[in-house]
Protein backbone atom coordinates (compact mmCIF):
# COMPACT_ATOMS: atom_id res chain seq x y z
CA MET A 1 141.80 58.52 -260.02
CA ARG A 2 145.05 56.99 -261.07
CA SER A 3 145.10 57.66 -264.75
CA ILE A 4 145.84 61.35 -265.23
CA LEU A 5 146.07 63.17 -268.54
CA CYS A 6 147.94 66.45 -268.87
CA PRO A 7 147.89 68.23 -272.26
CA ALA A 8 151.28 69.77 -272.88
CA ASP A 9 152.21 72.79 -274.96
CA THR A 10 154.37 75.84 -274.84
CA ALA A 11 151.89 78.12 -273.03
CA ASP A 12 153.15 79.73 -269.90
CA THR A 13 150.49 77.83 -267.80
CA LEU A 14 152.24 74.54 -268.53
CA ASN A 15 154.19 74.60 -265.27
CA ASP A 16 150.89 74.92 -263.32
CA ARG A 17 149.53 71.82 -265.10
CA VAL A 18 152.71 69.79 -264.73
CA GLU A 19 153.13 70.49 -261.00
CA THR A 20 149.45 69.80 -260.37
CA ALA A 21 149.42 66.54 -262.33
CA LEU A 22 152.52 65.33 -260.45
CA ALA A 23 151.03 66.30 -257.09
CA LEU A 24 147.83 64.53 -257.95
CA ALA A 25 149.68 61.41 -258.97
CA ARG A 26 151.66 61.42 -255.76
CA ALA A 27 148.57 61.87 -253.62
CA LEU A 28 146.60 59.10 -255.34
CA ARG A 29 149.51 56.81 -256.46
CA GLY A 30 148.68 57.55 -260.08
CA HIS A 31 150.31 57.78 -263.51
CA VAL A 32 150.45 60.87 -265.68
CA SER A 33 150.34 60.95 -269.48
CA PHE A 34 151.58 64.15 -271.01
CA GLN A 35 150.06 64.60 -274.43
CA ILE A 36 151.46 66.85 -277.11
CA ALA A 37 148.89 67.18 -279.89
CA THR A 38 149.33 68.78 -283.30
CA PRO A 39 146.98 68.14 -286.26
CA PHE A 40 149.60 67.60 -288.93
CA ALA A 41 147.09 66.12 -291.33
CA GLN A 42 145.11 69.38 -291.37
CA MET A 43 148.29 71.32 -292.06
CA ALA A 44 149.19 69.24 -295.09
CA LEU A 45 146.92 70.99 -297.56
CA TRP A 46 147.75 71.11 -301.26
CA GLU A 47 147.52 74.68 -302.56
CA PRO A 48 148.67 76.28 -305.76
CA PHE A 49 151.80 78.38 -306.04
CA GLY A 50 153.97 76.20 -303.78
CA GLY A 51 151.54 75.87 -300.99
CA ALA A 52 152.31 72.18 -300.52
CA ALA A 53 156.00 72.86 -300.16
CA LEU A 54 155.29 75.64 -297.67
CA SER A 55 153.01 73.26 -295.69
CA ALA A 56 155.72 70.56 -295.60
CA GLN A 57 158.25 73.07 -294.26
CA VAL A 58 155.87 74.25 -291.51
CA ILE A 59 155.00 70.70 -290.62
CA ASN A 60 158.70 69.82 -290.18
CA GLU A 61 159.22 72.82 -288.07
CA VAL A 62 156.29 72.18 -285.84
CA ARG A 63 157.12 68.46 -285.55
CA ALA A 64 160.68 69.38 -284.51
CA ALA A 65 159.28 71.76 -281.86
CA ASP A 66 156.99 69.01 -280.55
CA GLU A 67 159.87 66.59 -280.27
CA GLN A 68 161.97 69.20 -278.52
CA LEU A 69 159.21 69.80 -275.97
CA ALA A 70 158.88 66.06 -275.41
CA LYS A 71 162.64 65.82 -274.72
CA GLU A 72 162.48 68.74 -272.32
CA LEU A 73 159.59 67.10 -270.49
CA ASP A 74 161.50 63.77 -270.28
CA VAL A 75 164.53 65.49 -268.77
CA ARG A 76 162.35 67.34 -266.23
CA LEU A 77 160.11 64.42 -265.33
CA GLY A 78 162.93 61.89 -265.16
CA LYS A 79 163.95 63.46 -261.86
CA GLU A 80 160.46 63.06 -260.27
CA ASP A 81 159.06 60.16 -258.31
CA VAL A 82 155.96 59.73 -260.48
CA PRO A 83 155.35 57.21 -263.28
CA TYR A 84 154.70 59.06 -266.49
CA ASP A 85 154.80 58.91 -270.25
CA VAL A 86 154.96 61.61 -272.91
CA VAL A 87 152.77 60.98 -276.02
CA LEU A 88 152.88 62.82 -279.41
CA THR A 89 149.73 62.58 -281.42
CA ASP A 90 148.90 63.78 -284.94
CA GLN A 91 145.51 65.01 -283.73
CA GLY A 92 144.04 68.35 -282.71
CA ARG A 93 144.05 69.31 -279.05
CA VAL A 94 140.35 68.45 -278.49
CA GLU A 95 140.39 65.30 -280.59
CA GLY A 96 143.61 64.04 -278.94
CA VAL A 97 142.24 64.59 -275.45
CA ALA A 98 138.92 63.09 -276.36
CA ALA A 99 140.57 59.93 -277.64
CA ALA A 100 142.86 59.53 -274.61
CA ALA A 101 139.97 60.30 -272.24
CA ARG A 102 138.56 56.77 -272.74
CA PHE A 103 141.18 55.53 -270.31
CA THR A 104 141.61 58.62 -268.21
CA ASP A 105 140.26 59.46 -264.74
CA CYS A 106 141.06 63.16 -264.72
CA ILE A 107 142.25 65.71 -267.20
CA VAL A 108 144.44 68.59 -265.79
CA SER A 109 143.86 71.81 -267.76
CA SER A 110 144.00 75.58 -267.38
CA LEU A 111 141.04 77.93 -267.00
CA ASP A 112 142.46 80.16 -269.76
CA ASP A 113 142.95 77.33 -272.21
CA PRO A 114 140.91 78.20 -275.35
CA ALA A 115 139.95 74.62 -275.73
CA LEU A 116 138.78 74.05 -272.09
CA GLU A 117 135.07 74.25 -272.82
CA GLU A 118 135.22 71.80 -275.76
CA VAL A 119 137.37 69.45 -273.71
CA ALA A 120 135.20 69.57 -270.63
CA LEU A 121 131.90 69.18 -272.55
CA GLY A 122 133.14 66.68 -275.07
CA SER A 123 135.58 64.29 -273.39
CA HIS A 124 133.21 62.57 -270.97
CA CYS A 125 135.94 62.85 -268.35
CA PRO A 126 136.28 65.23 -265.31
CA VAL A 127 138.58 68.18 -265.74
CA LEU A 128 140.63 69.85 -263.13
CA ALA A 129 141.01 73.44 -264.42
CA LEU A 130 143.59 75.75 -262.82
CA PRO A 131 143.66 79.57 -262.65
CA ARG A 132 146.87 81.00 -264.00
CA GLY A 133 149.64 80.79 -261.42
CA VAL A 134 147.54 78.72 -259.00
CA PRO A 135 148.77 75.06 -259.18
CA LEU A 136 146.99 72.59 -256.88
CA LEU A 137 149.86 71.07 -254.90
CA THR A 138 148.10 69.94 -251.71
CA PHE A 139 144.66 68.45 -251.29
CA ASP A 140 143.97 68.86 -247.56
CA LYS A 141 142.27 72.24 -247.89
CA PRO A 142 138.45 72.53 -247.64
CA VAL A 143 136.47 71.63 -250.74
CA LEU A 144 133.26 73.34 -251.83
CA ILE A 145 130.69 71.44 -253.84
CA ALA A 146 128.39 73.69 -255.81
CA TRP A 147 125.14 71.74 -255.70
CA ASP A 148 122.07 72.40 -257.71
CA GLY A 149 120.63 68.89 -257.71
CA GLY A 150 121.27 68.26 -261.41
CA HIS A 151 122.92 65.36 -263.14
CA GLU A 152 126.00 67.39 -263.83
CA ALA A 153 126.58 68.34 -260.21
CA ALA A 154 126.06 64.73 -259.16
CA ALA A 155 128.54 63.50 -261.82
CA ALA A 156 131.16 66.00 -260.56
CA MET A 157 130.63 65.00 -256.98
CA ARG A 158 130.99 61.28 -257.75
CA ALA A 159 134.07 61.77 -259.81
CA ALA A 160 135.66 63.95 -257.11
CA LEU A 161 135.34 61.27 -254.38
CA PRO A 162 139.07 60.52 -254.23
CA LEU A 163 139.81 64.27 -253.75
CA LEU A 164 136.98 64.73 -251.19
CA ALA A 165 138.46 61.87 -249.16
CA LEU A 166 141.71 63.86 -248.84
CA ALA A 167 140.07 67.19 -248.06
CA GLY A 168 140.32 68.74 -244.54
CA SER A 169 136.59 69.44 -244.79
CA VAL A 170 133.80 69.24 -247.40
CA HIS A 171 131.06 71.84 -247.80
CA ILE A 172 127.95 71.59 -249.98
CA LEU A 173 126.44 74.90 -251.09
CA MET A 174 122.93 74.91 -252.48
CA VAL A 175 121.31 78.14 -253.51
CA ARG A 176 117.57 77.51 -253.23
CA GLU A 177 115.69 78.38 -256.39
CA HIS A 178 113.41 75.42 -257.16
CA GLU A 179 111.44 73.49 -254.58
CA ASP A 180 111.49 70.37 -256.68
CA SER A 181 115.27 70.05 -256.88
CA PHE A 182 117.17 67.32 -255.07
CA PRO A 183 118.23 68.90 -251.72
CA ALA A 184 121.80 69.14 -250.57
CA ARG A 185 121.10 66.78 -247.71
CA ASP A 186 120.70 63.94 -250.19
CA ALA A 187 124.19 64.69 -251.53
CA ALA A 188 125.53 64.75 -247.99
CA CYS A 189 123.88 61.40 -247.29
CA TYR A 190 125.51 59.93 -250.39
CA LEU A 191 128.92 61.15 -249.29
CA SER A 192 128.49 59.79 -245.79
CA ARG A 193 128.34 56.27 -247.32
CA HIS A 194 131.88 56.95 -248.51
CA ASP A 195 132.97 58.16 -245.02
CA ILE A 196 133.00 61.75 -246.16
CA HIS A 197 130.99 63.94 -243.80
CA ALA A 198 130.06 67.17 -245.46
CA GLU A 199 128.61 70.36 -243.97
CA VAL A 200 125.52 71.53 -245.79
CA HIS A 201 124.73 75.14 -246.59
CA GLU A 202 121.26 75.72 -248.08
CA VAL A 203 120.73 79.42 -248.59
CA PRO A 204 118.28 81.61 -250.41
CA ARG A 205 119.48 83.40 -253.55
CA SER A 206 120.83 86.85 -252.74
CA GLY A 207 122.56 87.91 -255.95
CA ALA A 208 124.47 86.16 -258.71
CA ILE A 209 124.93 82.52 -257.91
CA ALA A 210 128.45 82.53 -259.21
CA THR A 211 129.33 85.33 -256.82
CA MET A 212 127.70 83.45 -253.94
CA ILE A 213 129.83 80.35 -254.72
CA ALA A 214 133.02 82.38 -254.96
CA ASP A 215 132.20 84.19 -251.68
CA MET A 216 131.55 80.89 -249.88
CA ALA A 217 134.82 79.40 -251.29
CA GLN A 218 136.70 82.44 -249.91
CA GLU A 219 134.91 82.23 -246.50
CA ILE A 220 135.86 78.57 -245.96
CA GLY A 221 139.34 78.88 -247.50
CA ALA A 222 138.50 76.40 -250.22
CA GLY A 223 141.33 74.93 -252.23
CA LEU A 224 138.93 73.43 -254.77
CA ILE A 225 135.44 73.94 -256.15
CA VAL A 226 133.52 70.96 -257.46
CA MET A 227 130.82 71.75 -259.89
CA GLY A 228 128.83 70.38 -262.81
CA LEU A 229 129.40 71.98 -266.21
CA PHE A 230 126.15 72.52 -268.04
CA GLY A 231 126.21 73.22 -271.71
CA LYS A 232 125.86 71.88 -275.22
CA SER A 233 127.69 72.25 -278.52
CA ARG A 234 125.93 73.43 -281.63
CA LEU A 235 127.78 74.37 -284.83
CA ARG A 236 130.90 74.66 -282.71
CA GLU A 237 129.32 77.31 -280.49
CA LEU A 238 129.36 76.31 -276.86
CA LEU A 239 126.39 77.51 -274.88
CA LEU A 240 127.26 77.35 -271.20
CA GLY A 241 124.97 78.07 -268.30
CA GLY A 242 125.50 81.48 -266.74
CA VAL A 243 127.00 80.10 -263.48
CA SER A 244 129.43 77.86 -265.42
CA ARG A 245 130.46 80.72 -267.67
CA ALA A 246 131.04 83.15 -264.84
CA LEU A 247 133.15 80.78 -262.77
CA LEU A 248 135.21 79.74 -265.68
CA ASP A 249 135.94 83.35 -266.49
CA THR A 250 136.56 84.63 -262.98
CA SER A 251 137.48 81.91 -260.52
CA ASN A 252 140.72 82.23 -258.55
CA VAL A 253 140.21 78.79 -257.07
CA PRO A 254 140.80 75.54 -259.06
CA LEU A 255 137.62 74.00 -260.49
CA PHE A 256 136.81 70.32 -260.74
CA LEU A 257 134.38 70.06 -263.65
CA ALA A 258 132.18 67.27 -264.90
CA HIS A 259 129.44 67.21 -267.63
């Protein structure tokens, strides 16, 4: 996990993302690409009554703002001990991330990013999503894996291996609902082959699964929850599973997501 992508913008969650991306790069000897994405081509629309001139003016203002943000990032990051680059792209947020994700091991995002669902479901790259004001600066806290036996959960667990190796402890939570699902002990066996020895918690359902996951995370003092993101896109409407939706909306612990 040495190629890290961090979308950059003027949102007040940017500092959380920057500090987390830098900490992740330090822990794993990685490189961070900070991407500033603006779809200028979509802004350059010819319209009657001076619309083209107005679009050109707006484009110039937005481009200047992007260049200013890039300069500010350069000044800030030049003092750090992490290799990085700042990239400006004439694409939309989702399209820019998806293009860069081909050569990315992890995307650092924010839970309240309006584009998070599209990025996580469409980029084919794991996403580390942060609650507002909760940067992930250390990686030695316990990690909770939300396990349901599905391909999404397995993909998240595999992608998180570098972070699991740094964790003080690893816990696998499986809420039993289906007898034919792959048990959590199989996941623990897989992790053991990577010298990661996880504690398994297989429990019957006793309420909302998202609540059970959040409660377990609090009980063990988790610094990270690893989970699969289930969903599909149809006519730009993202249909997420109930557990995914609830945790994205309410989690106060960073989530490591894979689809």
